[in-house]
Amino acid sequence: MQHASAAPACPRCGAGAGPQDAFCIQCGNPLSSARNTFAPVFPPIYNDAPTARLGWFSGLCVESILGEGGMGTVYYAVSPVSKQAFALKVLDTHRAVANNHARLFESEAGIQSRLVHPNVTRLFQFVSEGHWYGLIMEYVPGPSLSTHLSNADHHLPPKDAISIAIDILDGLHAVHEAGYVHRDIKPGNVLLAPGRERLVAKLTDFGIASSLKDAVREAGVRGVTGTVPYLAPEQIHQEAPLGPQSDIFSFASMLYEMVGGHPPFS
């Protein structure tokens, strides 16, 4: 006869815990007996209900979907101990083998971990759970520049556009000084955080970024990457290596859109 296994108890305070609990509900102590309940498939919708818990991943309570893209899904996650909110970008490596996204995901982690700047979203940790990869990143409680433009009838007052542009240039300078090129500067990859007196722009999504050395070596080989309305000529024609000037061209196209209502070559 099989006997039901005893419910796990917290080794620190002795409080009872459920089989799916990753942390003690009394003292917050991690429970080694907890199982990872991160679901392999989440509904492709944004759920803004703060109590809608989707599961656990690497000790974080995954509460809702922030966005989805070609390189994975980004979730809103909270540490049950510190109560700090994070953006958790997750990739299913089983599905990513064929399109090489696993390697790009690892590259993204390596690049972003070296960038510490107020105008670049911070990467705190690269983690893995089974066949899942995760990037635990700074959560920016504001819209993307793309959403902000849509809400502002697709153009901004010059003063606001200049303020955001300066932040983006400061972030790009840090990226280039560190020896990298972003490759995909566009409104969707700029997040706007509420500041004391204005919105603060932060660069994000380094999924196709590369080192300047790799950009030179891969000229004409890697193929066209990026978002068409913002691509520099060398990204489209692949006749010259990419570099900081490629990101600056994309930035200029984005600045044009901020004040003119649309990209220059849309």
Protein backbone atom coordinates (compact mmCIF):
# COMPACT_ATOMS: atom_id res chain seq x y z
CA MET A 1 0.00 0.00 0.00
CA GLN A 2 1.30 3.43 -0.94
CA HIS A 3 1.42 6.10 1.71
CA ALA A 4 0.91 9.76 0.89
CA SER A 5 4.11 11.70 1.25
CA ALA A 6 4.21 14.21 4.06
CA ALA A 7 3.72 17.83 3.15
CA PRO A 8 7.05 19.70 3.00
CA ALA A 9 7.87 21.97 5.90
CA CYS A 10 10.07 25.05 6.04
CA PRO A 11 13.46 24.13 7.59
CA ARG A 12 13.74 27.61 9.11
CA CYS A 13 10.38 28.15 10.86
CA GLY A 14 8.67 24.75 10.48
CA ALA A 15 5.58 26.13 8.76
CA GLY A 16 3.79 23.78 6.40
CA ALA A 17 4.09 24.27 2.64
CA GLY A 18 2.36 22.98 -0.43
CA PRO A 19 4.19 20.80 -2.99
CA GLN A 20 4.26 23.70 -5.47
CA ASP A 21 5.48 26.37 -3.04
CA ALA A 22 8.95 27.66 -3.87
CA PHE A 23 9.18 29.85 -0.77
CA CYS A 24 7.79 29.66 2.76
CA ILE A 25 4.66 31.78 3.06
CA GLN A 26 5.58 32.65 6.65
CA CYS A 27 9.26 33.65 6.52
CA GLY A 28 10.13 33.67 2.78
CA ASN A 29 12.81 30.99 3.09
CA PRO A 30 13.46 29.07 -0.19
CA LEU A 31 12.13 25.51 -0.11
CA SER A 32 14.45 22.99 -1.73
CA SER A 33 11.60 20.52 -2.13
CA ALA A 34 9.61 22.86 -4.33
CA ARG A 35 9.18 21.89 -7.95
CA ASN A 36 9.53 24.26 -10.88
CA THR A 37 5.99 24.88 -12.12
CA PHE A 38 6.88 27.09 -15.04
CA ALA A 39 4.36 26.21 -17.75
CA PRO A 40 5.81 25.51 -21.21
CA VAL A 41 3.01 27.37 -22.97
CA PHE A 42 1.35 30.54 -21.69
CA PRO A 43 -1.65 32.24 -23.27
CA PRO A 44 -0.40 34.83 -25.79
CA ILE A 45 -2.13 37.74 -24.04
CA TYR A 46 -1.09 40.38 -21.57
CA ASN A 47 -2.77 39.81 -18.22
CA ASP A 48 -2.61 42.87 -15.98
CA ALA A 49 -4.20 41.22 -12.95
CA PRO A 50 -1.47 41.29 -10.27
CA THR A 51 -2.77 38.10 -8.66
CA ALA A 52 -2.76 36.05 -11.87
CA ARG A 53 0.23 33.87 -11.10
CA LEU A 54 1.40 31.80 -14.04
CA GLY A 55 4.07 29.78 -12.24
CA TRP A 56 7.60 29.87 -10.86
CA PHE A 57 10.94 30.23 -12.57
CA SER A 58 14.32 30.32 -10.85
CA GLY A 59 12.77 31.39 -7.55
CA LEU A 60 10.65 34.16 -9.10
CA CYS A 61 6.86 34.27 -9.10
CA VAL A 62 5.84 34.75 -12.75
CA GLU A 63 2.69 36.85 -12.75
CA SER A 64 1.90 38.07 -16.26
CA ILE A 65 3.12 38.46 -19.83
CA LEU A 66 4.70 41.78 -20.80
CA GLY A 67 5.40 40.99 -24.44
CA GLU A 68 6.41 38.40 -27.00
CA GLY A 69 8.95 38.41 -29.81
CA GLY A 70 11.07 36.27 -32.05
CA MET A 71 13.65 35.68 -29.31
CA GLY A 72 11.30 34.63 -26.52
CA THR A 73 8.60 35.88 -24.19
CA VAL A 74 9.04 38.56 -21.54
CA TYR A 75 7.17 38.15 -18.25
CA TYR A 76 6.53 40.30 -15.21
CA ALA A 77 8.03 38.44 -12.25
CA VAL A 78 8.45 39.22 -8.56
CA SER A 79 10.83 37.95 -5.90
CA PRO A 80 8.68 36.68 -3.02
CA VAL A 81 11.50 37.52 -0.59
CA SER A 82 12.52 41.07 -1.59
CA LYS A 83 9.24 41.92 -3.38
CA GLN A 84 11.35 43.41 -6.16
CA ALA A 85 9.84 43.29 -9.65
CA PHE A 86 11.82 42.02 -12.63
CA ALA A 87 11.37 41.56 -16.35
CA LEU A 88 12.02 37.88 -17.08
CA LYS A 89 12.84 37.00 -20.68
CA VAL A 90 12.46 33.27 -21.33
CA LEU A 91 13.50 31.09 -24.25
CA ASP A 92 12.50 27.46 -24.83
CA THR A 93 15.78 25.99 -26.09
CA HIS A 94 14.02 22.92 -27.53
CA ARG A 95 12.18 25.17 -29.95
CA ALA A 96 15.17 27.40 -30.56
CA VAL A 97 17.70 24.80 -31.73
CA ALA A 98 16.69 24.95 -35.38
CA ASN A 99 16.84 28.74 -35.72
CA ASN A 100 19.97 29.24 -33.60
CA HIS A 101 18.16 31.41 -31.07
CA ALA A 102 19.80 29.63 -28.14
CA ARG A 103 23.24 30.86 -29.21
CA LEU A 104 21.92 34.37 -29.81
CA PHE A 105 20.24 34.31 -26.39
CA GLU A 106 23.54 33.43 -24.73
CA SER A 107 25.25 36.18 -26.72
CA GLU A 108 22.59 38.67 -25.61
CA ALA A 109 23.23 37.73 -21.99
CA GLY A 110 26.99 38.14 -22.38
CA ILE A 111 26.69 41.57 -24.00
CA GLN A 112 24.02 43.04 -21.75
CA SER A 113 25.75 41.85 -18.58
CA ARG A 114 28.68 44.11 -19.45
CA LEU A 115 26.53 47.21 -19.89
CA VAL A 116 25.81 49.16 -16.70
CA HIS A 117 24.35 52.54 -17.58
CA PRO A 118 21.20 54.46 -16.56
CA ASN A 119 20.03 54.52 -20.18
CA VAL A 120 20.46 50.79 -20.79
CA THR A 121 18.20 48.20 -19.16
CA ARG A 122 20.18 46.24 -16.59
CA LEU A 123 20.70 42.48 -16.80
CA PHE A 124 21.00 40.95 -13.34
CA GLN A 125 21.38 37.25 -14.07
CA PHE A 126 21.34 34.56 -16.75
CA VAL A 127 19.59 31.42 -15.48
CA SER A 128 18.49 28.05 -16.84
CA GLU A 129 15.80 25.61 -15.74
CA GLY A 130 15.80 22.36 -17.69
CA HIS A 131 15.49 23.29 -21.36
CA TRP A 132 14.51 26.88 -20.53
CA TYR A 133 16.89 29.86 -20.58
CA GLY A 134 16.03 33.03 -18.69
CA LEU A 135 17.32 36.58 -18.44
CA ILE A 136 16.42 38.32 -15.19
CA MET A 137 16.39 41.99 -16.09
CA GLU A 138 15.46 45.39 -14.76
CA TYR A 139 11.71 45.96 -14.88
CA VAL A 140 10.86 49.32 -16.45
CA PRO A 141 7.37 50.40 -15.32
CA GLY A 142 6.59 52.39 -18.43
CA PRO A 143 5.68 51.98 -22.09
CA SER A 144 7.95 51.47 -25.04
CA LEU A 145 8.67 54.50 -27.19
CA SER A 146 6.58 52.80 -29.89
CA THR A 147 3.53 52.69 -27.60
CA HIS A 148 4.23 56.23 -26.39
CA LEU A 149 4.25 57.50 -29.98
CA SER A 150 1.01 55.70 -30.75
CA ASN A 151 -0.62 57.33 -27.73
CA ALA A 152 0.71 60.74 -28.80
CA ASP A 153 -0.69 60.59 -32.35
CA HIS A 154 2.71 59.36 -33.63
CA HIS A 155 4.75 62.46 -32.92
CA LEU A 156 6.09 64.30 -29.87
CA PRO A 157 6.68 67.94 -28.98
CA PRO A 158 10.27 68.88 -29.90
CA LYS A 159 11.23 69.36 -26.24
CA ASP A 160 10.10 65.82 -25.33
CA ALA A 161 11.72 64.33 -28.44
CA ILE A 162 15.05 66.01 -27.65
CA SER A 163 14.97 64.80 -24.04
CA ILE A 164 14.36 61.20 -25.13
CA ALA A 165 16.94 61.50 -27.92
CA ILE A 166 19.67 62.62 -25.51
CA ASP A 167 18.99 59.60 -23.30
CA ILE A 168 19.16 57.24 -26.26
CA LEU A 169 22.44 58.77 -27.45
CA ASP A 170 23.92 58.47 -23.96
CA GLY A 171 22.92 54.79 -23.89
CA LEU A 172 24.31 54.20 -27.38
CA HIS A 173 27.57 55.86 -26.44
CA ALA A 174 27.94 53.39 -23.56
CA VAL A 175 27.18 50.48 -25.89
CA HIS A 176 29.72 51.60 -28.48
CA GLU A 177 32.38 52.44 -25.89
CA ALA A 178 32.01 48.89 -24.57
CA GLY A 179 32.77 47.59 -28.08
CA TYR A 180 29.31 46.58 -29.29
CA VAL A 181 26.79 47.53 -31.95
CA HIS A 182 23.08 47.13 -31.17
CA ARG A 183 21.87 46.48 -34.77
CA ASP A 184 18.16 47.03 -34.02
CA ILE A 185 17.58 50.57 -32.77
CA LYS A 186 13.85 51.31 -33.11
CA PRO A 187 11.00 52.71 -30.96
CA GLY A 188 10.00 49.22 -29.82
CA ASN A 189 13.46 48.70 -28.29
CA VAL A 190 13.38 51.86 -26.19
CA LEU A 191 11.58 51.74 -22.83
CA LEU A 192 10.42 54.86 -21.01
CA ALA A 193 10.71 54.89 -17.24
CA PRO A 194 8.94 57.54 -15.17
CA GLY A 195 11.43 59.97 -13.67
CA ARG A 196 11.06 62.85 -11.23
CA GLU A 197 10.47 65.47 -13.91
CA ARG A 198 10.41 63.58 -17.20
CA LEU A 199 10.47 60.18 -18.84
CA VAL A 200 13.85 58.44 -18.90
CA ALA A 201 14.66 56.42 -22.02
CA LYS A 202 16.44 53.07 -21.75
CA LEU A 203 17.75 50.88 -24.56
CA THR A 204 16.69 47.26 -24.43
CA ASP A 205 16.68 44.00 -26.45
CA PHE A 206 20.25 43.10 -27.40
CA GLY A 207 19.11 39.91 -29.12
CA ILE A 208 20.96 40.57 -32.39
CA ALA A 209 23.69 42.82 -31.01
CA SER A 210 27.30 41.89 -31.65
CA SER A 211 30.80 43.03 -30.89
CA LEU A 212 32.35 45.49 -33.30
CA LYS A 213 34.95 42.86 -34.23
CA ASP A 214 32.26 40.31 -35.10
CA ALA A 215 30.36 42.94 -37.09
CA VAL A 216 33.42 43.51 -39.27
CA ARG A 217 34.09 39.77 -39.69
CA GLU A 218 30.46 38.98 -40.53
CA ALA A 219 30.03 41.75 -43.11
CA GLY A 220 28.06 40.36 -46.05
CA VAL A 221 27.71 36.94 -44.39
CA ARG A 222 25.17 37.16 -41.57
CA GLY A 223 22.31 38.42 -43.74
CA VAL A 224 19.96 41.34 -43.20
CA THR A 225 19.02 41.73 -39.53
CA GLY A 226 17.06 44.49 -37.89
CA THR A 227 13.84 46.35 -38.64
CA VAL A 228 13.51 47.63 -42.20
CA PRO A 229 12.28 51.24 -41.71
CA TYR A 230 15.27 51.98 -39.47
CA LEU A 231 18.06 50.04 -41.18
CA ALA A 232 21.24 51.78 -42.25
CA PRO A 233 22.21 51.37 -45.93
CA GLU A 234 25.11 49.04 -45.04
CA GLN A 235 22.66 46.77 -43.19
CA ILE A 236 20.48 46.46 -46.28
CA HIS A 237 23.14 46.19 -48.99
CA GLN A 238 25.78 44.44 -46.83
CA GLU A 239 28.53 46.20 -48.73
CA ALA A 240 30.35 47.48 -45.66
CA PRO A 241 30.81 46.30 -42.07
CA LEU A 242 28.39 47.53 -39.43
CA GLY A 243 29.59 49.86 -36.74
CA PRO A 244 28.46 52.69 -34.46
CA GLN A 245 27.44 54.67 -37.54
CA SER A 246 24.83 52.01 -38.31
CA ASP A 247 23.15 52.51 -34.92
CA ILE A 248 23.36 56.29 -35.32
CA PHE A 249 21.58 56.08 -38.68
CA SER A 250 18.81 54.01 -37.06
CA PHE A 251 18.64 56.51 -34.21
CA ALA A 252 18.31 59.40 -36.68
CA SER A 253 15.45 57.60 -38.43
CA MET A 254 13.76 57.17 -35.06
CA LEU A 255 14.28 60.84 -34.16
CA TYR A 256 12.75 61.80 -37.50
CA GLU A 257 9.70 59.71 -36.59
CA MET A 258 9.41 61.26 -33.13
CA VAL A 259 8.98 64.76 -34.60
CA GLY A 260 7.62 63.96 -38.07
CA GLY A 261 5.15 61.19 -37.31
CA HIS A 262 6.73 58.46 -39.45
CA PRO A 263 10.17 57.07 -40.37
CA PRO A 264 11.90 58.88 -43.25
CA PHE A 265 11.76 55.88 -45.60
CA SER A 266 8.52 54.21 -44.54
